[in-house]
Amino acid sequence: MTTDTAGSAAPPKGLHLGAWAAQALLALAFLTAGAMKLAAPLDELAKNMAWIPHVPGWLVRFIGASEVLGALGLILPAATRIKPVLTPIAAALLVVVMVLGAATHVAIGEAERIVVNAVMGGLAAFVAWARFKPAAIAGK
């Protein structure tokens, strides 16, 4: 591990770059999925998402807004270095979204569909872990 100019331990470059790669991938995926849940008619969403008829419409829109805000939270605080602690918090909250999504799939008999939730949740957990401590981004 190297040290920065202040003498504190700097994170390994690979961990830092890996966290940024995961953040970018997750942000793109959650921004796309969230925007779709916010903008598309519910009957159109239900054609590809079997869980839609099982929840109220406002919840679908709330999930979409949460995903869009989570996507922004993965990138903007870290990139601007303004309150960068919000990035791991956003990642941790997206883990919660993925756990609840997986639980919904299991509850309606679609356990085979939780693979996406597991992968996205795992990546988000990695970002939360990395950005909370070993590859934290310093604020301005």
C-alpha atoms as a PDB file:
ATOM      1  CA  MET A   1       0.000   0.000   0.000  1.00  0.00           C
ATOM      2  CA  THR A   2       1.311   3.456  -0.849  1.00  0.00           C
ATOM      3  CA  THR A   3       0.959   6.658   1.114  1.00  0.00           C
ATOM      4  CA  ASP A   4      -0.486   9.929  -0.028  1.00  0.00           C
ATOM      5  CA  THR A   5       1.082  13.365   0.448  1.00  0.00           C
ATOM      6  CA  ALA A   6      -0.374  13.656   3.949  1.00  0.00           C
ATOM      7  CA  GLY A   7       1.334  10.397   4.945  1.00  0.00           C
ATOM      8  CA  SER A   8      -1.848   8.319   5.274  1.00  0.00           C
ATOM      9  CA  ALA A   9      -2.249   5.020   3.486  1.00  0.00           C
ATOM     10  CA  ALA A  10      -3.677   5.365  -0.020  1.00  0.00           C
ATOM     11  CA  PRO A  11      -5.928   2.599  -1.362  1.00  0.00           C
ATOM     12  CA  PRO A  12      -4.521   0.231  -3.942  1.00  0.00           C
ATOM     13  CA  LYS A  13      -5.050   1.696  -7.408  1.00  0.00           C
ATOM     14  CA  GLY A  14      -6.793  -1.489  -8.616  1.00  0.00           C
ATOM     15  CA  LEU A  15      -9.385  -1.270  -5.830  1.00  0.00           C
ATOM     16  CA  HIS A  16     -10.034   2.388  -6.598  1.00  0.00           C
ATOM     17  CA  LEU A  17     -10.413   1.692 -10.333  1.00  0.00           C
ATOM     18  CA  GLY A  18     -12.533  -1.391  -9.696  1.00  0.00           C
ATOM     19  CA  ALA A  19     -14.869   0.613  -7.483  1.00  0.00           C
ATOM     20  CA  TRP A  20     -15.216   3.288 -10.188  1.00  0.00           C
ATOM     21  CA  ALA A  21     -15.936   0.624 -12.808  1.00  0.00           C
ATOM     22  CA  ALA A  22     -18.607  -0.948 -10.615  1.00  0.00           C
ATOM     23  CA  GLN A  23     -20.085   2.479  -9.847  1.00  0.00           C
ATOM     24  CA  ALA A  24     -20.321   3.332 -13.547  1.00  0.00           C
ATOM     25  CA  LEU A  25     -21.875  -0.008 -14.468  1.00  0.00           C
ATOM     26  CA  LEU A  26     -24.377   0.150 -11.629  1.00  0.00           C
ATOM     27  CA  ALA A  27     -25.239   3.791 -12.317  1.00  0.00           C
ATOM     28  CA  LEU A  28     -25.987   3.019 -15.958  1.00  0.00           C
ATOM     29  CA  ALA A  29     -28.097  -0.019 -15.073  1.00  0.00           C
ATOM     30  CA  PHE A  30     -30.055   1.675 -12.282  1.00  0.00           C
ATOM     31  CA  LEU A  31     -30.547   4.896 -14.238  1.00  0.00           C
ATOM     32  CA  THR A  32     -31.950   2.933 -17.173  1.00  0.00           C
ATOM     33  CA  ALA A  33     -34.170   0.666 -15.073  1.00  0.00           C
ATOM     34  CA  GLY A  34     -35.363   3.506 -12.859  1.00  0.00           C
ATOM     35  CA  ALA A  35     -36.182   5.842 -15.740  1.00  0.00           C
ATOM     36  CA  MET A  36     -38.181   3.062 -17.372  1.00  0.00           C
ATOM     37  CA  LYS A  37     -40.184   2.472 -14.171  1.00  0.00           C
ATOM     38  CA  LEU A  38     -40.837   6.198 -13.877  1.00  0.00           C
ATOM     39  CA  ALA A  39     -41.845   6.898 -17.466  1.00  0.00           C
ATOM     40  CA  ALA A  40     -43.360   3.775 -19.046  1.00  0.00           C
ATOM     41  CA  PRO A  41     -47.060   2.951 -18.673  1.00  0.00           C
ATOM     42  CA  LEU A  42     -47.603   0.290 -16.017  1.00  0.00           C
ATOM     43  CA  ASP A  43     -49.361  -2.062 -18.443  1.00  0.00           C
ATOM     44  CA  GLU A  44     -46.312  -1.914 -20.736  1.00  0.00           C
ATOM     45  CA  LEU A  45     -43.955  -2.613 -17.831  1.00  0.00           C
ATOM     46  CA  ALA A  46     -46.107  -5.563 -16.768  1.00  0.00           C
ATOM     47  CA  LYS A  47     -45.435  -7.278 -20.118  1.00  0.00           C
ATOM     48  CA  ASN A  48     -41.774  -7.793 -19.145  1.00  0.00           C
ATOM     49  CA  MET A  49     -41.910  -7.610 -15.356  1.00  0.00           C
ATOM     50  CA  ALA A  50     -44.226 -10.163 -13.793  1.00  0.00           C
ATOM     51  CA  TRP A  51     -44.072  -8.486 -10.383  1.00  0.00           C
ATOM     52  CA  ILE A  52     -45.718  -5.245 -11.557  1.00  0.00           C
ATOM     53  CA  PRO A  53     -49.348  -6.438 -11.161  1.00  0.00           C
ATOM     54  CA  HIS A  54     -48.554  -7.579  -7.606  1.00  0.00           C
ATOM     55  CA  VAL A  55     -47.706  -4.111  -6.282  1.00  0.00           C
ATOM     56  CA  PRO A  56     -49.469  -0.724  -6.351  1.00  0.00           C
ATOM     57  CA  GLY A  57     -48.535   1.649  -9.172  1.00  0.00           C
ATOM     58  CA  TRP A  58     -47.158   4.255  -6.767  1.00  0.00           C
ATOM     59  CA  LEU A  59     -44.683   1.649  -5.485  1.00  0.00           C
ATOM     60  CA  VAL A  60     -43.409   0.962  -9.011  1.00  0.00           C
ATOM     61  CA  ARG A  61     -42.839   4.712  -9.478  1.00  0.00           C
ATOM     62  CA  PHE A  62     -41.209   4.988  -6.030  1.00  0.00           C
ATOM     63  CA  ILE A  63     -38.826   2.140  -6.880  1.00  0.00           C
ATOM     64  CA  GLY A  64     -38.009   3.887 -10.167  1.00  0.00           C
ATOM     65  CA  ALA A  65     -37.275   7.163  -8.388  1.00  0.00           C
ATOM     66  CA  SER A  66     -35.143   5.318  -5.819  1.00  0.00           C
ATOM     67  CA  GLU A  67     -33.134   3.674  -8.588  1.00  0.00           C
ATOM     68  CA  VAL A  68     -32.576   6.968 -10.442  1.00  0.00           C
ATOM     69  CA  LEU A  69     -31.529   8.765  -7.257  1.00  0.00           C
ATOM     70  CA  GLY A  70     -29.316   5.823  -6.301  1.00  0.00           C
ATOM     71  CA  ALA A  71     -27.625   5.958  -9.708  1.00  0.00           C
ATOM     72  CA  LEU A  72     -26.931   9.666  -9.269  1.00  0.00           C
ATOM     73  CA  GLY A  73     -25.684   9.019  -5.730  1.00  0.00           C
ATOM     74  CA  LEU A  74     -23.196   6.452  -6.992  1.00  0.00           C
ATOM     75  CA  ILE A  75     -21.484   8.991  -9.253  1.00  0.00           C
ATOM     76  CA  LEU A  76     -22.079  12.640  -8.365  1.00  0.00           C
ATOM     77  CA  PRO A  77     -20.806  12.840  -4.761  1.00  0.00           C
ATOM     78  CA  ALA A  78     -17.657  10.868  -5.588  1.00  0.00           C
ATOM     79  CA  ALA A  79     -16.989  12.690  -8.863  1.00  0.00           C
ATOM     80  CA  THR A  80     -17.503  16.168  -7.412  1.00  0.00           C
ATOM     81  CA  ARG A  81     -15.952  15.284  -4.037  1.00  0.00           C
ATOM     82  CA  ILE A  82     -18.888  17.093  -2.423  1.00  0.00           C
ATOM     83  CA  LYS A  83     -20.101  14.898   0.442  1.00  0.00           C
ATOM     84  CA  PRO A  84     -18.479  11.759  -1.049  1.00  0.00           C
ATOM     85  CA  VAL A  85     -19.743   9.709   1.908  1.00  0.00           C
ATOM     86  CA  LEU A  86     -23.099   9.781   0.107  1.00  0.00           C
ATOM     87  CA  THR A  87     -21.701   7.401  -2.535  1.00  0.00           C
ATOM     88  CA  PRO A  88     -21.314   4.366  -0.231  1.00  0.00           C
ATOM     89  CA  ILE A  89     -24.619   5.247   1.427  1.00  0.00           C
ATOM     90  CA  ALA A  90     -26.327   5.224  -1.994  1.00  0.00           C
ATOM     91  CA  ALA A  91     -24.669   1.884  -2.771  1.00  0.00           C
ATOM     92  CA  ALA A  92     -25.812   0.397   0.547  1.00  0.00           C
ATOM     93  CA  LEU A  93     -29.378   1.560  -0.058  1.00  0.00           C
ATOM     94  CA  LEU A  94     -29.318   0.008  -3.526  1.00  0.00           C
ATOM     95  CA  VAL A  95     -28.350  -3.274  -1.846  1.00  0.00           C
ATOM     96  CA  VAL A  96     -31.566  -2.918   0.175  1.00  0.00           C
ATOM     97  CA  VAL A  97     -33.538  -2.334  -3.041  1.00  0.00           C
ATOM     98  CA  MET A  98     -32.035  -5.499  -4.541  1.00  0.00           C
ATOM     99  CA  VAL A  99     -32.744  -7.595  -1.422  1.00  0.00           C
ATOM    100  CA  LEU A 100     -36.367  -6.417  -1.412  1.00  0.00           C
ATOM    101  CA  GLY A 101     -36.606  -7.092  -5.141  1.00  0.00           C
ATOM    102  CA  ALA A 102     -35.302 -10.626  -4.650  1.00  0.00           C
ATOM    103  CA  ALA A 103     -37.784 -11.186  -1.818  1.00  0.00           C
ATOM    104  CA  THR A 104     -40.603 -10.028  -4.094  1.00  0.00           C
ATOM    105  CA  HIS A 105     -39.528 -12.438  -6.828  1.00  0.00           C
ATOM    106  CA  VAL A 106     -39.453 -15.319  -4.342  1.00  0.00           C
ATOM    107  CA  ALA A 107     -42.850 -14.321  -2.899  1.00  0.00           C
ATOM    108  CA  ILE A 108     -44.555 -14.433  -6.302  1.00  0.00           C
ATOM    109  CA  GLY A 109     -42.903 -17.692  -7.346  1.00  0.00           C
ATOM    110  CA  GLU A 110     -40.109 -16.332  -9.553  1.00  0.00           C
ATOM    111  CA  ALA A 111     -37.092 -17.404  -7.539  1.00  0.00           C
ATOM    112  CA  GLU A 112     -35.166 -18.069 -10.756  1.00  0.00           C
ATOM    113  CA  ARG A 113     -35.184 -14.319 -11.471  1.00  0.00           C
ATOM    114  CA  ILE A 114     -33.166 -13.303  -8.429  1.00  0.00           C
ATOM    115  CA  VAL A 115     -29.862 -13.778 -10.257  1.00  0.00           C
ATOM    116  CA  VAL A 116     -29.952 -10.180 -11.501  1.00  0.00           C
ATOM    117  CA  ASN A 117     -30.777  -8.946  -7.989  1.00  0.00           C
ATOM    118  CA  ALA A 118     -27.893 -10.980  -6.577  1.00  0.00           C
ATOM    119  CA  VAL A 119     -25.354  -9.689  -9.117  1.00  0.00           C
ATOM    120  CA  MET A 120     -26.460  -6.055  -8.855  1.00  0.00           C
ATOM    121  CA  GLY A 121     -26.720  -6.272  -5.075  1.00  0.00           C
ATOM    122  CA  GLY A 122     -23.280  -7.856  -4.864  1.00  0.00           C
ATOM    123  CA  LEU A 123     -21.730  -5.100  -6.983  1.00  0.00           C
ATOM    124  CA  ALA A 124     -23.474  -2.450  -4.901  1.00  0.00           C
ATOM    125  CA  ALA A 125     -22.235  -4.111  -1.696  1.00  0.00           C
ATOM    126  CA  PHE A 126     -18.688  -4.061  -3.102  1.00  0.00           C
ATOM    127  CA  VAL A 127     -18.991  -0.320  -3.846  1.00  0.00           C
ATOM    128  CA  ALA A 128     -20.401   0.380  -0.376  1.00  0.00           C
ATOM    129  CA  TRP A 129     -17.571  -1.558   1.285  1.00  0.00           C
ATOM    130  CA  ALA A 130     -14.838  -0.037  -0.888  1.00  0.00           C
ATOM    131  CA  ARG A 131     -16.029   3.553  -0.614  1.00  0.00           C
ATOM    132  CA  PHE A 132     -16.752   3.475   3.121  1.00  0.00           C
ATOM    133  CA  LYS A 133     -13.156   2.658   4.035  1.00  0.00           C
ATOM    134  CA  PRO A 134     -10.426   1.061   1.895  1.00  0.00           C
ATOM    135  CA  ALA A 135     -10.984   3.231  -1.201  1.00  0.00           C
ATOM    136  CA  ALA A 136     -12.875   6.135   0.340  1.00  0.00           C
ATOM    137  CA  ILE A 137     -12.872   9.372  -1.605  1.00  0.00           C
ATOM    138  CA  ALA A 138     -11.828  12.460   0.326  1.00  0.00           C
ATOM    139  CA  GLY A 139     -14.108  15.464   0.231  1.00  0.00           C
ATOM    140  CA  LYS A 140     -13.113  18.953  -0.796  1.00  0.00           C
END
